[in-house]
Amino acid sequence: MEKRQKGKVLSSLNRGNDVTAYGVIVPGLPGCLSVGDTLAETTKNAEEVIGTWIETALDADSTLPNRLEMVRANPDHAGDAFAVIV
């Protein structure tokens, strides 16, 4: 299996609690999201889905959008905490 090159991807983190799981949404990669019961599990899962999303886009010769200004301007993500997943 080919080793993936690591990069930085802006992600929106939704905190979990006793009732709901943690969630990561990658606004710059449409449809790319991950969930987990802990923050560590969620970020590990996010690394995998981000890699798969990017590989699929590259296989389809798609461009890879990800502009911080575009994400911050989106009202769907108002108040979200952002992290860079590498």
N, C-alpha and C. Protein backbone atom coordinates (compact mmCIF):
# COMPACT_ATOMS: atom_id res chain seq x y z
N MET A 1 0.85 -1.18 0.00
CA MET A 1 0.00 0.00 0.00
C MET A 1 0.89 1.24 0.00
N GLU A 2 0.52 2.23 -0.80
CA GLU A 2 1.27 3.47 -0.91
C GLU A 2 1.03 4.33 0.32
N LYS A 3 2.12 4.90 0.85
CA LYS A 3 1.99 5.77 2.02
C LYS A 3 1.50 7.15 1.59
N ARG A 4 0.53 7.68 2.31
CA ARG A 4 -0.03 9.00 2.00
C ARG A 4 0.89 10.09 2.50
N GLN A 5 0.98 11.15 1.72
CA GLN A 5 1.71 12.33 2.15
C GLN A 5 0.80 13.15 3.05
N LYS A 6 1.32 13.57 4.18
CA LYS A 6 0.51 14.36 5.13
C LYS A 6 0.44 15.80 4.68
N GLY A 7 -0.70 16.44 4.94
CA GLY A 7 -0.91 17.84 4.64
C GLY A 7 -1.80 18.44 5.70
N LYS A 8 -2.16 19.69 5.52
CA LYS A 8 -3.01 20.38 6.48
C LYS A 8 -4.36 20.66 5.85
N VAL A 9 -5.43 20.37 6.58
CA VAL A 9 -6.79 20.57 6.09
C VAL A 9 -7.60 21.25 7.19
N LEU A 10 -8.22 22.38 6.85
CA LEU A 10 -9.06 23.09 7.80
C LEU A 10 -10.31 22.28 8.08
N SER A 11 -10.61 22.10 9.36
CA SER A 11 -11.76 21.30 9.77
C SER A 11 -12.54 22.01 10.86
N SER A 12 -13.83 21.78 10.90
CA SER A 12 -14.71 22.33 11.93
C SER A 12 -15.02 21.22 12.92
N LEU A 13 -14.75 21.46 14.19
CA LEU A 13 -14.94 20.46 15.23
C LEU A 13 -16.20 20.76 16.03
N ASN A 14 -17.08 19.77 16.13
CA ASN A 14 -18.27 19.87 16.97
C ASN A 14 -18.05 18.97 18.19
N ARG A 15 -18.10 19.58 19.36
CA ARG A 15 -17.81 18.83 20.59
C ARG A 15 -18.90 17.83 20.92
N GLY A 16 -18.47 16.68 21.39
CA GLY A 16 -19.40 15.67 21.85
C GLY A 16 -19.71 15.88 23.32
N ASN A 17 -20.67 15.11 23.81
CA ASN A 17 -21.00 15.14 25.23
C ASN A 17 -21.50 13.75 25.62
N ASP A 18 -22.18 13.62 26.73
CA ASP A 18 -22.66 12.31 27.18
C ASP A 18 -23.70 11.71 26.25
N VAL A 19 -24.33 12.54 25.42
CA VAL A 19 -25.40 12.07 24.55
C VAL A 19 -24.98 11.99 23.08
N THR A 20 -24.14 12.91 22.64
CA THR A 20 -23.76 12.96 21.23
C THR A 20 -22.27 12.72 21.04
N ALA A 21 -21.92 12.27 19.85
CA ALA A 21 -20.52 12.02 19.52
C ALA A 21 -19.84 13.32 19.09
N TYR A 22 -18.50 13.28 19.04
CA TYR A 22 -17.73 14.37 18.44
C TYR A 22 -17.91 14.28 16.93
N GLY A 23 -17.79 15.41 16.28
CA GLY A 23 -17.90 15.42 14.83
C GLY A 23 -16.89 16.36 14.22
N VAL A 24 -16.40 16.01 13.06
CA VAL A 24 -15.50 16.86 12.29
C VAL A 24 -16.11 17.02 10.91
N ILE A 25 -16.26 18.27 10.48
CA ILE A 25 -16.73 18.58 9.14
C ILE A 25 -15.58 19.31 8.44
N VAL A 26 -15.33 18.94 7.20
CA VAL A 26 -14.27 19.59 6.43
C VAL A 26 -14.97 20.45 5.37
N PRO A 27 -15.22 21.73 5.69
CA PRO A 27 -16.01 22.58 4.81
C PRO A 27 -15.44 22.73 3.40
N GLY A 28 -14.13 22.66 3.26
CA GLY A 28 -13.51 22.82 1.95
C GLY A 28 -13.57 21.57 1.09
N LEU A 29 -14.02 20.45 1.66
CA LEU A 29 -14.14 19.19 0.93
C LEU A 29 -15.58 18.72 1.04
N PRO A 30 -16.44 19.10 0.12
CA PRO A 30 -17.87 18.82 0.22
C PRO A 30 -18.20 17.35 0.54
N GLY A 31 -19.01 17.17 1.57
CA GLY A 31 -19.45 15.84 1.96
C GLY A 31 -18.46 15.09 2.84
N CYS A 32 -17.34 15.72 3.18
CA CYS A 32 -16.31 15.05 3.98
C CYS A 32 -16.54 15.34 5.46
N LEU A 33 -16.84 14.29 6.23
CA LEU A 33 -17.08 14.44 7.66
C LEU A 33 -16.71 13.16 8.38
N SER A 34 -16.55 13.27 9.68
CA SER A 34 -16.18 12.13 10.51
C SER A 34 -16.79 12.29 11.89
N VAL A 35 -17.03 11.19 12.56
CA VAL A 35 -17.54 11.21 13.93
C VAL A 35 -16.77 10.19 14.77
N GLY A 36 -16.88 10.33 16.08
CA GLY A 36 -16.26 9.38 16.99
C GLY A 36 -16.72 9.65 18.41
N ASP A 37 -16.51 8.68 19.28
CA ASP A 37 -16.93 8.82 20.67
C ASP A 37 -15.98 9.69 21.49
N THR A 38 -14.72 9.80 21.04
CA THR A 38 -13.74 10.64 21.73
C THR A 38 -13.11 11.58 20.70
N LEU A 39 -12.46 12.62 21.18
CA LEU A 39 -11.77 13.55 20.29
C LEU A 39 -10.66 12.82 19.53
N ALA A 40 -9.92 11.98 20.22
CA ALA A 40 -8.83 11.24 19.57
C ALA A 40 -9.36 10.33 18.47
N GLU A 41 -10.44 9.60 18.75
CA GLU A 41 -11.03 8.72 17.74
C GLU A 41 -11.55 9.52 16.55
N THR A 42 -12.16 10.66 16.83
CA THR A 42 -12.72 11.49 15.77
C THR A 42 -11.63 12.03 14.86
N THR A 43 -10.53 12.53 15.43
CA THR A 43 -9.47 13.07 14.59
C THR A 43 -8.77 11.97 13.80
N LYS A 44 -8.62 10.78 14.39
CA LYS A 44 -8.03 9.66 13.66
C LYS A 44 -8.93 9.28 12.48
N ASN A 45 -10.22 9.19 12.74
CA ASN A 45 -11.17 8.88 11.66
C ASN A 45 -11.16 9.97 10.60
N ALA A 46 -11.03 11.23 11.04
CA ALA A 46 -11.01 12.35 10.10
C ALA A 46 -9.80 12.26 9.17
N GLU A 47 -8.65 11.89 9.71
CA GLU A 47 -7.46 11.73 8.88
C GLU A 47 -7.73 10.73 7.75
N GLU A 48 -8.39 9.64 8.09
CA GLU A 48 -8.67 8.60 7.10
C GLU A 48 -9.65 9.08 6.03
N VAL A 49 -10.74 9.73 6.44
CA VAL A 49 -11.73 10.15 5.44
C VAL A 49 -11.22 11.31 4.59
N ILE A 50 -10.40 12.18 5.17
CA ILE A 50 -9.80 13.26 4.39
C ILE A 50 -8.89 12.67 3.32
N GLY A 51 -8.06 11.72 3.70
CA GLY A 51 -7.18 11.07 2.74
C GLY A 51 -7.95 10.38 1.63
N THR A 52 -9.02 9.68 2.00
CA THR A 52 -9.84 9.00 1.00
C THR A 52 -10.53 10.00 0.09
N TRP A 53 -11.05 11.09 0.65
CA TRP A 53 -11.71 12.13 -0.16
C TRP A 53 -10.74 12.70 -1.18
N ILE A 54 -9.54 13.04 -0.72
CA ILE A 54 -8.55 13.65 -1.61
C ILE A 54 -8.11 12.65 -2.69
N GLU A 55 -7.85 11.40 -2.31
CA GLU A 55 -7.46 10.39 -3.29
C GLU A 55 -8.55 10.22 -4.35
N THR A 56 -9.80 10.19 -3.93
CA THR A 56 -10.92 10.04 -4.86
C THR A 56 -11.00 11.24 -5.81
N ALA A 57 -10.83 12.44 -5.25
CA ALA A 57 -10.87 13.65 -6.09
C ALA A 57 -9.73 13.66 -7.09
N LEU A 58 -8.54 13.28 -6.65
CA LEU A 58 -7.40 13.25 -7.56
C LEU A 58 -7.58 12.20 -8.65
N ASP A 59 -8.13 11.05 -8.29
CA ASP A 59 -8.41 10.01 -9.28
C ASP A 59 -9.40 10.49 -10.33
N ALA A 60 -10.30 11.38 -9.92
CA ALA A 60 -11.31 11.92 -10.84
C ALA A 60 -10.84 13.22 -11.49
N ASP A 61 -9.58 13.59 -11.29
CA ASP A 61 -9.00 14.83 -11.83
C ASP A 61 -9.76 16.07 -11.36
N SER A 62 -10.25 16.06 -10.15
CA SER A 62 -10.95 17.21 -9.57
C SER A 62 -9.95 18.14 -8.88
N THR A 63 -10.32 19.39 -8.73
CA THR A 63 -9.49 20.32 -7.97
C THR A 63 -9.82 20.19 -6.49
N LEU A 64 -8.92 20.64 -5.65
CA LEU A 64 -9.09 20.52 -4.21
C LEU A 64 -9.31 21.90 -3.59
N PRO A 65 -10.59 22.27 -3.37
CA PRO A 65 -10.87 23.60 -2.80
C PRO A 65 -10.60 23.63 -1.31
N ASN A 66 -10.15 24.75 -0.79
CA ASN A 66 -10.03 24.91 0.65
C ASN A 66 -9.53 26.31 0.96
N ARG A 67 -10.41 27.28 1.02
CA ARG A 67 -10.03 28.65 1.33
C ARG A 67 -10.66 29.05 2.66
N LEU A 68 -9.82 29.45 3.59
CA LEU A 68 -10.27 29.81 4.93
C LEU A 68 -11.32 30.91 4.89
N GLU A 69 -11.12 31.92 4.05
CA GLU A 69 -12.07 33.03 3.97
C GLU A 69 -13.45 32.54 3.54
N MET A 70 -13.48 31.60 2.60
CA MET A 70 -14.74 31.04 2.12
C MET A 70 -15.47 30.31 3.25
N VAL A 71 -14.73 29.57 4.03
CA VAL A 71 -15.33 28.79 5.13
C VAL A 71 -15.84 29.73 6.22
N ARG A 72 -15.04 30.68 6.61
CA ARG A 72 -15.47 31.61 7.67
C ARG A 72 -16.68 32.43 7.28
N ALA A 73 -16.84 32.71 5.99
CA ALA A 73 -17.98 33.50 5.51
C ALA A 73 -19.27 32.69 5.46
N ASN A 74 -19.18 31.39 5.57
CA ASN A 74 -20.35 30.52 5.48
C ASN A 74 -21.10 30.53 6.81
N PRO A 75 -22.35 31.02 6.83
CA PRO A 75 -23.09 31.10 8.09
C PRO A 75 -23.36 29.74 8.73
N ASP A 76 -23.28 28.66 7.96
CA ASP A 76 -23.47 27.32 8.53
C ASP A 76 -22.39 26.98 9.55
N HIS A 77 -21.26 27.68 9.49
CA HIS A 77 -20.14 27.37 10.38
C HIS A 77 -19.86 28.50 11.37
N ALA A 78 -20.83 29.40 11.55
CA ALA A 78 -20.68 30.48 12.52
C ALA A 78 -20.57 29.88 13.93
N GLY A 79 -19.58 30.30 14.66
CA GLY A 79 -19.41 29.81 16.02
C GLY A 79 -18.66 28.49 16.13
N ASP A 80 -18.32 27.86 15.00
CA ASP A 80 -17.57 26.60 15.05
C ASP A 80 -16.14 26.86 15.48
N ALA A 81 -15.56 25.87 16.15
CA ALA A 81 -14.13 25.90 16.44
C ALA A 81 -13.45 25.22 15.26
N PHE A 82 -12.30 25.75 14.85
CA PHE A 82 -11.59 25.18 13.71
C PHE A 82 -10.27 24.59 14.15
N ALA A 83 -9.87 23.54 13.49
CA ALA A 83 -8.59 22.88 13.76
C ALA A 83 -7.98 22.50 12.43
N VAL A 84 -6.67 22.34 12.43
CA VAL A 84 -5.99 21.85 11.25
C VAL A 84 -5.59 20.41 11.53
N ILE A 85 -6.08 19.49 10.72
CA ILE A 85 -5.78 18.08 10.89
C ILE A 85 -4.69 17.72 9.92
N VAL A 86 -3.58 17.20 10.46
CA VAL A 86 -2.43 16.85 9.61
C VAL A 86 -2.20 15.36 9.60
